[in-house]
Amino acid sequence: MPYKRVSELPESVRDNIPSHAQEIYLAAFNSAWDQYDEPEERRGGATREETAHRVAWAAVKKDYEKGDDGKWRKKSGN
């Protein structure tokens, strides 16, 4: 189920990462949802939704990291 807006993302995403990271998550999730529509395209028997969430988190982690204080922030140099 693709998301139309950031406000529809799961609370675990909305409540933990900055707004720009949420936009990255949304775009990556929706792209992965479309790309991995066939079960044979996914790893380890994951569902379409599980795969899309994994891809979205990986996209966020390219530019953001969780600090020692538990807060997500943009990586240095990005």
PDB file of N, CA and C in Angstrom:
ATOM      1  N   MET A   1       0.824  -1.183   0.000  1.00  0.00           N
ATOM      2  CA  MET A   1       0.000   0.000   0.000  1.00  0.00           C
ATOM      3  C   MET A   1       0.868   1.246   0.000  1.00  0.00           C
ATOM      4  N   PRO A   2       1.041   1.850  -1.134  1.00  0.00           N
ATOM      5  CA  PRO A   2       1.851   3.067  -1.208  1.00  0.00           C
ATOM      6  C   PRO A   2       1.233   4.190  -0.374  1.00  0.00           C
ATOM      7  N   TYR A   3       2.085   5.090   0.037  1.00  0.00           N
ATOM      8  CA  TYR A   3       1.640   6.239   0.837  1.00  0.00           C
ATOM      9  C   TYR A   3       1.518   7.465  -0.058  1.00  0.00           C
ATOM     10  N   LYS A   4       0.464   8.233   0.142  1.00  0.00           N
ATOM     11  CA  LYS A   4       0.257   9.444  -0.662  1.00  0.00           C
ATOM     12  C   LYS A   4       0.951  10.652  -0.050  1.00  0.00           C
ATOM     13  N   ARG A   5       1.042  10.669   1.269  1.00  0.00           N
ATOM     14  CA  ARG A   5       1.670  11.810   1.946  1.00  0.00           C
ATOM     15  C   ARG A   5       2.391  11.342   3.206  1.00  0.00           C
ATOM     16  N   VAL A   6       3.297  12.178   3.659  1.00  0.00           N
ATOM     17  CA  VAL A   6       4.113  11.868   4.838  1.00  0.00           C
ATOM     18  C   VAL A   6       3.235  11.581   6.050  1.00  0.00           C
ATOM     19  N   SER A   7       2.125  12.263   6.168  1.00  0.00           N
ATOM     20  CA  SER A   7       1.240  12.078   7.324  1.00  0.00           C
ATOM     21  C   SER A   7       0.666  10.666   7.408  1.00  0.00           C
ATOM     22  N   GLU A   8       0.748   9.905   6.322  1.00  0.00           N
ATOM     23  CA  GLU A   8       0.237   8.535   6.312  1.00  0.00           C
ATOM     24  C   GLU A   8       1.291   7.503   6.719  1.00  0.00           C
ATOM     25  N   LEU A   9       2.548   7.927   6.814  1.00  0.00           N
ATOM     26  CA  LEU A   9       3.604   6.990   7.195  1.00  0.00           C
ATOM     27  C   LEU A   9       3.355   6.433   8.596  1.00  0.00           C
ATOM     28  N   PRO A  10       3.908   5.268   8.896  1.00  0.00           N
ATOM     29  CA  PRO A  10       3.745   4.697  10.242  1.00  0.00           C
ATOM     30  C   PRO A  10       4.298   5.652  11.309  1.00  0.00           C
ATOM     31  N   GLU A  11       3.698   5.616  12.482  1.00  0.00           N
ATOM     32  CA  GLU A  11       4.153   6.463  13.588  1.00  0.00           C
ATOM     33  C   GLU A  11       5.630   6.246  13.885  1.00  0.00           C
ATOM     34  N   SER A  12       6.094   5.020  13.764  1.00  0.00           N
ATOM     35  CA  SER A  12       7.501   4.728  14.050  1.00  0.00           C
ATOM     36  C   SER A  12       8.435   5.501  13.131  1.00  0.00           C
ATOM     37  N   VAL A  13       7.958   5.889  11.981  1.00  0.00           N
ATOM     38  CA  VAL A  13       8.741   6.709  11.060  1.00  0.00           C
ATOM     39  C   VAL A  13       8.515   8.186  11.373  1.00  0.00           C
ATOM     40  N   ARG A  14       7.267   8.590  11.409  1.00  0.00           N
ATOM     41  CA  ARG A  14       6.933  10.009  11.634  1.00  0.00           C
ATOM     42  C   ARG A  14       7.478  10.545  12.946  1.00  0.00           C
ATOM     43  N   ASP A  15       7.480   9.731  13.980  1.00  0.00           N
ATOM     44  CA  ASP A  15       7.878  10.200  15.310  1.00  0.00           C
ATOM     45  C   ASP A  15       9.383  10.136  15.559  1.00  0.00           C
ATOM     46  N   ASN A  16      10.138   9.597  14.608  1.00  0.00           N
ATOM     47  CA  ASN A  16      11.549   9.368  14.891  1.00  0.00           C
ATOM     48  C   ASN A  16      12.538  10.016  13.941  1.00  0.00           C
ATOM     49  N   ILE A  17      12.145  10.301  12.720  1.00  0.00           N
ATOM     50  CA  ILE A  17      13.116  10.867  11.788  1.00  0.00           C
ATOM     51  C   ILE A  17      12.687  12.260  11.339  1.00  0.00           C
ATOM     52  N   PRO A  18      13.654  13.105  10.964  1.00  0.00           N
ATOM     53  CA  PRO A  18      13.341  14.467  10.528  1.00  0.00           C
ATOM     54  C   PRO A  18      12.449  14.490   9.287  1.00  0.00           C
ATOM     55  N   SER A  19      11.831  15.617   9.030  1.00  0.00           N
ATOM     56  CA  SER A  19      10.868  15.723   7.927  1.00  0.00           C
ATOM     57  C   SER A  19      11.488  15.397   6.566  1.00  0.00           C
ATOM     58  N   HIS A  20      12.711  15.863   6.317  1.00  0.00           N
ATOM     59  CA  HIS A  20      13.329  15.541   5.026  1.00  0.00           C
ATOM     60  C   HIS A  20      13.562  14.040   4.905  1.00  0.00           C
ATOM     61  N   ALA A  21      13.955  13.392   5.973  1.00  0.00           N
ATOM     62  CA  ALA A  21      14.152  11.941   5.968  1.00  0.00           C
ATOM     63  C   ALA A  21      12.818  11.223   5.727  1.00  0.00           C
ATOM     64  N   GLN A  22      11.738  11.787   6.226  1.00  0.00           N
ATOM     65  CA  GLN A  22      10.415  11.211   5.985  1.00  0.00           C
ATOM     66  C   GLN A  22      10.058  11.278   4.498  1.00  0.00           C
ATOM     67  N   GLU A  23      10.443  12.358   3.853  1.00  0.00           N
ATOM     68  CA  GLU A  23      10.189  12.488   2.411  1.00  0.00           C
ATOM     69  C   GLU A  23      10.996  11.454   1.629  1.00  0.00           C
ATOM     70  N   ILE A  24      12.235  11.226   2.050  1.00  0.00           N
ATOM     71  CA  ILE A  24      13.069  10.194   1.431  1.00  0.00           C
ATOM     72  C   ILE A  24      12.413   8.829   1.624  1.00  0.00           C
ATOM     73  N   TYR A  25      11.968   8.569   2.840  1.00  0.00           N
ATOM     74  CA  TYR A  25      11.323   7.294   3.171  1.00  0.00           C
ATOM     75  C   TYR A  25      10.102   7.073   2.288  1.00  0.00           C
ATOM     76  N   LEU A  26       9.261   8.078   2.180  1.00  0.00           N
ATOM     77  CA  LEU A  26       8.043   7.991   1.377  1.00  0.00           C
ATOM     78  C   LEU A  26       8.366   7.656  -0.075  1.00  0.00           C
ATOM     79  N   ALA A  27       9.295   8.387  -0.668  1.00  0.00           N
ATOM     80  CA  ALA A  27       9.644   8.159  -2.071  1.00  0.00           C
ATOM     81  C   ALA A  27      10.248   6.772  -2.275  1.00  0.00           C
ATOM     82  N   ALA A  28      11.139   6.358  -1.384  1.00  0.00           N
ATOM     83  CA  ALA A  28      11.785   5.052  -1.516  1.00  0.00           C
ATOM     84  C   ALA A  28      10.784   3.915  -1.308  1.00  0.00           C
ATOM     85  N   PHE A  29       9.901   4.071  -0.328  1.00  0.00           N
ATOM     86  CA  PHE A  29       8.889   3.037  -0.083  1.00  0.00           C
ATOM     87  C   PHE A  29       8.023   2.845  -1.320  1.00  0.00           C
ATOM     88  N   ASN A  30       7.517   3.947  -1.857  1.00  0.00           N
ATOM     89  CA  ASN A  30       6.613   3.849  -3.007  1.00  0.00           C
ATOM     90  C   ASN A  30       7.310   3.277  -4.232  1.00  0.00           C
ATOM     91  N   SER A  31       8.565   3.647  -4.438  1.00  0.00           N
ATOM     92  CA  SER A  31       9.323   3.107  -5.558  1.00  0.00           C
ATOM     93  C   SER A  31       9.536   1.599  -5.395  1.00  0.00           C
ATOM     94  N   ALA A  32       9.921   1.185  -4.191  1.00  0.00           N
ATOM     95  CA  ALA A  32      10.135  -0.240  -3.922  1.00  0.00           C
ATOM     96  C   ALA A  32       8.833  -1.022  -4.019  1.00  0.00           C
ATOM     97  N   TRP A  33       7.736  -0.413  -3.601  1.00  0.00           N
ATOM     98  CA  TRP A  33       6.425  -1.069  -3.696  1.00  0.00           C
ATOM     99  C   TRP A  33       6.143  -1.448  -5.148  1.00  0.00           C
ATOM    100  N   ASP A  34       6.454  -0.513  -6.049  1.00  0.00           N
ATOM    101  CA  ASP A  34       6.234  -0.776  -7.472  1.00  0.00           C
ATOM    102  C   ASP A  34       7.252  -1.767  -8.027  1.00  0.00           C
ATOM    103  N   GLN A  35       8.495  -1.624  -7.630  1.00  0.00           N
ATOM    104  CA  GLN A  35       9.571  -2.435  -8.185  1.00  0.00           C
ATOM    105  C   GLN A  35       9.493  -3.897  -7.760  1.00  0.00           C
ATOM    106  N   TYR A  36       9.136  -4.157  -6.508  1.00  0.00           N
ATOM    107  CA  TYR A  36       9.157  -5.524  -5.973  1.00  0.00           C
ATOM    108  C   TYR A  36       7.754  -6.107  -5.855  1.00  0.00           C
ATOM    109  N   ASP A  37       6.988  -5.974  -6.918  1.00  0.00           N
ATOM    110  CA  ASP A  37       5.612  -6.458  -6.867  1.00  0.00           C
ATOM    111  C   ASP A  37       5.497  -7.972  -7.009  1.00  0.00           C
ATOM    112  N   GLU A  38       6.511  -8.605  -7.582  1.00  0.00           N
ATOM    113  CA  GLU A  38       6.486 -10.059  -7.755  1.00  0.00           C
ATOM    114  C   GLU A  38       7.301 -10.744  -6.655  1.00  0.00           C
ATOM    115  N   PRO A  39       6.753 -11.793  -6.038  1.00  0.00           N
ATOM    116  CA  PRO A  39       7.442 -12.477  -4.933  1.00  0.00           C
ATOM    117  C   PRO A  39       8.861 -12.929  -5.264  1.00  0.00           C
ATOM    118  N   GLU A  40       9.107 -13.350  -6.494  1.00  0.00           N
ATOM    119  CA  GLU A  40      10.447 -13.829  -6.850  1.00  0.00           C
ATOM    120  C   GLU A  40      11.483 -12.702  -6.901  1.00  0.00           C
ATOM    121  N   GLU A  41      11.024 -11.458  -6.843  1.00  0.00           N
ATOM    122  CA  GLU A  41      11.932 -10.305  -6.833  1.00  0.00           C
ATOM    123  C   GLU A  41      12.387  -9.942  -5.417  1.00  0.00           C
ATOM    124  N   ARG A  42      11.792 -10.571  -4.421  1.00  0.00           N
ATOM    125  CA  ARG A  42      12.098 -10.255  -3.022  1.00  0.00           C
ATOM    126  C   ARG A  42      12.999 -11.309  -2.414  1.00  0.00           C
ATOM    127  N   ARG A  43      13.686 -10.942  -1.347  1.00  0.00           N
ATOM    128  CA  ARG A  43      14.611 -11.859  -0.671  1.00  0.00           C
ATOM    129  C   ARG A  43      13.950 -12.527   0.524  1.00  0.00           C
ATOM    130  N   GLY A  44      14.310 -13.759   0.745  1.00  0.00           N
ATOM    131  CA  GLY A  44      13.929 -14.467   1.951  1.00  0.00           C
ATOM    132  C   GLY A  44      12.444 -14.619   2.198  1.00  0.00           C
ATOM    133  N   GLY A  45      11.648 -14.604   1.166  1.00  0.00           N
ATOM    134  CA  GLY A  45      10.218 -14.782   1.338  1.00  0.00           C
ATOM    135  C   GLY A  45       9.508 -13.591   1.974  1.00  0.00           C
ATOM    136  N   ALA A  46      10.152 -12.426   1.952  1.00  0.00           N
ATOM    137  CA  ALA A  46       9.554 -11.224   2.549  1.00  0.00           C
ATOM    138  C   ALA A  46       8.323 -10.799   1.752  1.00  0.00           C
ATOM    139  N   THR A  47       7.402 -10.181   2.444  1.00  0.00           N
ATOM    140  CA  THR A  47       6.226  -9.648   1.765  1.00  0.00           C
ATOM    141  C   THR A  47       6.609  -8.384   1.003  1.00  0.00           C
ATOM    142  N   ARG A  48       5.727  -7.964   0.159  1.00  0.00           N
ATOM    143  CA  ARG A  48       5.947  -6.732  -0.607  1.00  0.00           C
ATOM    144  C   ARG A  48       6.125  -5.542   0.332  1.00  0.00           C
ATOM    145  N   GLU A  49       5.297  -5.484   1.366  1.00  0.00           N
ATOM    146  CA  GLU A  49       5.370  -4.373   2.319  1.00  0.00           C
ATOM    147  C   GLU A  49       6.669  -4.412   3.128  1.00  0.00           C
ATOM    148  N   GLU A  50       7.064  -5.594   3.595  1.00  0.00           N
ATOM    149  CA  GLU A  50       8.326  -5.716   4.347  1.00  0.00           C
ATOM    150  C   GLU A  50       9.508  -5.256   3.498  1.00  0.00           C
ATOM    151  N   THR A  51       9.509  -5.674   2.248  1.00  0.00           N
ATOM    152  CA  THR A  51      10.591  -5.298   1.347  1.00  0.00           C
ATOM    153  C   THR A  51      10.621  -3.790   1.132  1.00  0.00           C
ATOM    154  N   ALA A  52       9.468  -3.189   0.919  1.00  0.00           N
ATOM    155  CA  ALA A  52       9.395  -1.743   0.694  1.00  0.00           C
ATOM    156  C   ALA A  52       9.881  -0.974   1.924  1.00  0.00           C
ATOM    157  N   HIS A  53       9.523  -1.440   3.124  1.00  0.00           N
ATOM    158  CA  HIS A  53      10.002  -0.771   4.343  1.00  0.00           C
ATOM    159  C   HIS A  53      11.522  -0.908   4.486  1.00  0.00           C
ATOM    160  N   ARG A  54      12.052  -2.075   4.176  1.00  0.00           N
ATOM    161  CA  ARG A  54      13.513  -2.269   4.257  1.00  0.00           C
ATOM    162  C   ARG A  54      14.244  -1.338   3.294  1.00  0.00           C
ATOM    163  N   VAL A  55      13.734  -1.236   2.084  1.00  0.00           N
ATOM    164  CA  VAL A  55      14.346  -0.358   1.086  1.00  0.00           C
ATOM    165  C   VAL A  55      14.258   1.097   1.547  1.00  0.00           C
ATOM    166  N   ALA A  56      13.116   1.475   2.103  1.00  0.00           N
ATOM    167  CA  ALA A  56      12.927   2.858   2.564  1.00  0.00           C
ATOM    168  C   ALA A  56      13.896   3.202   3.691  1.00  0.00           C
ATOM    169  N   TRP A  57      14.053   2.299   4.648  1.00  0.00           N
ATOM    170  CA  TRP A  57      15.003   2.554   5.741  1.00  0.00           C
ATOM    171  C   TRP A  57      16.432   2.635   5.206  1.00  0.00           C
ATOM    172  N   ALA A  58      16.776   1.788   4.263  1.00  0.00           N
ATOM    173  CA  ALA A  58      18.119   1.823   3.681  1.00  0.00           C
ATOM    174  C   ALA A  58      18.363   3.169   2.987  1.00  0.00           C
ATOM    175  N   ALA A  59      17.355   3.696   2.324  1.00  0.00           N
ATOM    176  CA  ALA A  59      17.484   4.993   1.652  1.00  0.00           C
ATOM    177  C   ALA A  59      17.699   6.106   2.669  1.00  0.00           C
ATOM    178  N   VAL A  60      16.976   6.069   3.765  1.00  0.00           N
ATOM    179  CA  VAL A  60      17.138   7.077   4.818  1.00  0.00           C
ATOM    180  C   VAL A  60      18.544   6.999   5.398  1.00  0.00           C
ATOM    181  N   LYS A  61      19.021   5.791   5.628  1.00  0.00           N
ATOM    182  CA  LYS A  61      20.330   5.601   6.269  1.00  0.00           C
ATOM    183  C   LYS A  61      21.499   6.019   5.388  1.00  0.00           C
ATOM    184  N   LYS A  62      21.265   6.263   4.114  1.00  0.00           N
ATOM    185  CA  LYS A  62      22.326   6.782   3.248  1.00  0.00           C
ATOM    186  C   LYS A  62      22.693   8.210   3.643  1.00  0.00           C
ATOM    187  N   ASP A  63      21.693   8.985   4.071  1.00  0.00           N
ATOM    188  CA  ASP A  63      21.905  10.401   4.395  1.00  0.00           C
ATOM    189  C   ASP A  63      21.768  10.737   5.873  1.00  0.00           C
ATOM    190  N   TYR A  64      21.160   9.858   6.640  1.00  0.00           N
ATOM    191  CA  TYR A  64      20.891  10.132   8.056  1.00  0.00           C
ATOM    192  C   TYR A  64      21.455   9.027   8.938  1.00  0.00           C
ATOM    193  N   GLU A  65      21.773   9.398  10.171  1.00  0.00           N
ATOM    194  CA  GLU A  65      22.248   8.415  11.145  1.00  0.00           C
ATOM    195  C   GLU A  65      21.643   8.738  12.508  1.00  0.00           C
ATOM    196  N   LYS A  66      21.567   7.713  13.322  1.00  0.00           N
ATOM    197  CA  LYS A  66      21.044   7.867  14.672  1.00  0.00           C
ATOM    198  C   LYS A  66      22.197   8.209  15.597  1.00  0.00           C
ATOM    199  N   GLY A  67      22.089   9.339  16.293  1.00  0.00           N
ATOM    200  CA  GLY A  67      23.149   9.775  17.191  1.00  0.00           C
ATOM    201  C   GLY A  67      23.139   9.027  18.507  1.00  0.00           C
ATOM    202  N   ASP A  68      24.144   9.276  19.323  1.00  0.00           N
ATOM    203  CA  ASP A  68      24.249   8.648  20.637  1.00  0.00           C
ATOM    204  C   ASP A  68      23.056   8.998  21.525  1.00  0.00           C
ATOM    205  N   ASP A  69      22.438  10.134  21.236  1.00  0.00           N
ATOM    206  CA  ASP A  69      21.268  10.562  22.009  1.00  0.00           C
ATOM    207  C   ASP A  69      19.973   9.927  21.510  1.00  0.00           C
ATOM    208  N   GLY A  70      20.075   9.089  20.460  1.00  0.00           N
ATOM    209  CA  GLY A  70      18.902   8.406  19.932  1.00  0.00           C
ATOM    210  C   GLY A  70      18.140   9.196  18.880  1.00  0.00           C
ATOM    211  N   LYS A  71      18.612  10.395  18.557  1.00  0.00           N
ATOM    212  CA  LYS A  71      17.944  11.230  17.559  1.00  0.00           C
ATOM    213  C   LYS A  71      18.610  11.075  16.203  1.00  0.00           C
ATOM    214  N   TRP A  72      17.774  11.063  15.157  1.00  0.00           N
ATOM    215  CA  TRP A  72      18.272  10.966  13.791  1.00  0.00           C
ATOM    216  C   TRP A  72      18.722  12.337  13.327  1.00  0.00           C
ATOM    217  N   ARG A  73      19.876  12.359  12.640  1.00  0.00           N
ATOM    218  CA  ARG A  73      20.387  13.617  12.092  1.00  0.00           C
ATOM    219  C   ARG A  73      21.106  13.328  10.776  1.00  0.00           C
ATOM    220  N   LYS A  74      21.207  14.377   9.967  1.00  0.00           N
ATOM    221  CA  LYS A  74      21.889  14.259   8.682  1.00  0.00           C
ATOM    222  C   LYS A  74      23.360  13.928   8.920  1.00  0.00           C
ATOM    223  N   LYS A  75      23.895  13.019   8.119  1.00  0.00           N
ATOM    224  CA  LYS A  75      25.297  12.634   8.233  1.00  0.00           C
ATOM    225  C   LYS A  75      26.179  13.808   7.829  1.00  0.00           C
ATOM    226  N   SER A  76      27.334  13.899   8.431  1.00  0.00           N
ATOM    227  CA  SER A  76      28.310  14.939   8.078  1.00  0.00           C
ATOM    228  C   SER A  76      28.721  14.768   6.625  1.00  0.00           C
ATOM    229  N   GLY A  77      28.798  15.890   5.916  1.00  0.00           N
ATOM    230  CA  GLY A  77      29.209  15.835   4.529  1.00  0.00           C
ATOM    231  C   GLY A  77      28.088  15.573   3.551  1.00  0.00           C
ATOM    232  N   ASN A  78      26.878  15.368   4.031  1.00  0.00           N
ATOM    233  CA  ASN A  78      25.726  15.129   3.119  1.00  0.00           C
ATOM    234  C   ASN A  78      24.841  16.337   3.058  1.00  0.00           C
TER     235      ASN A  78
END
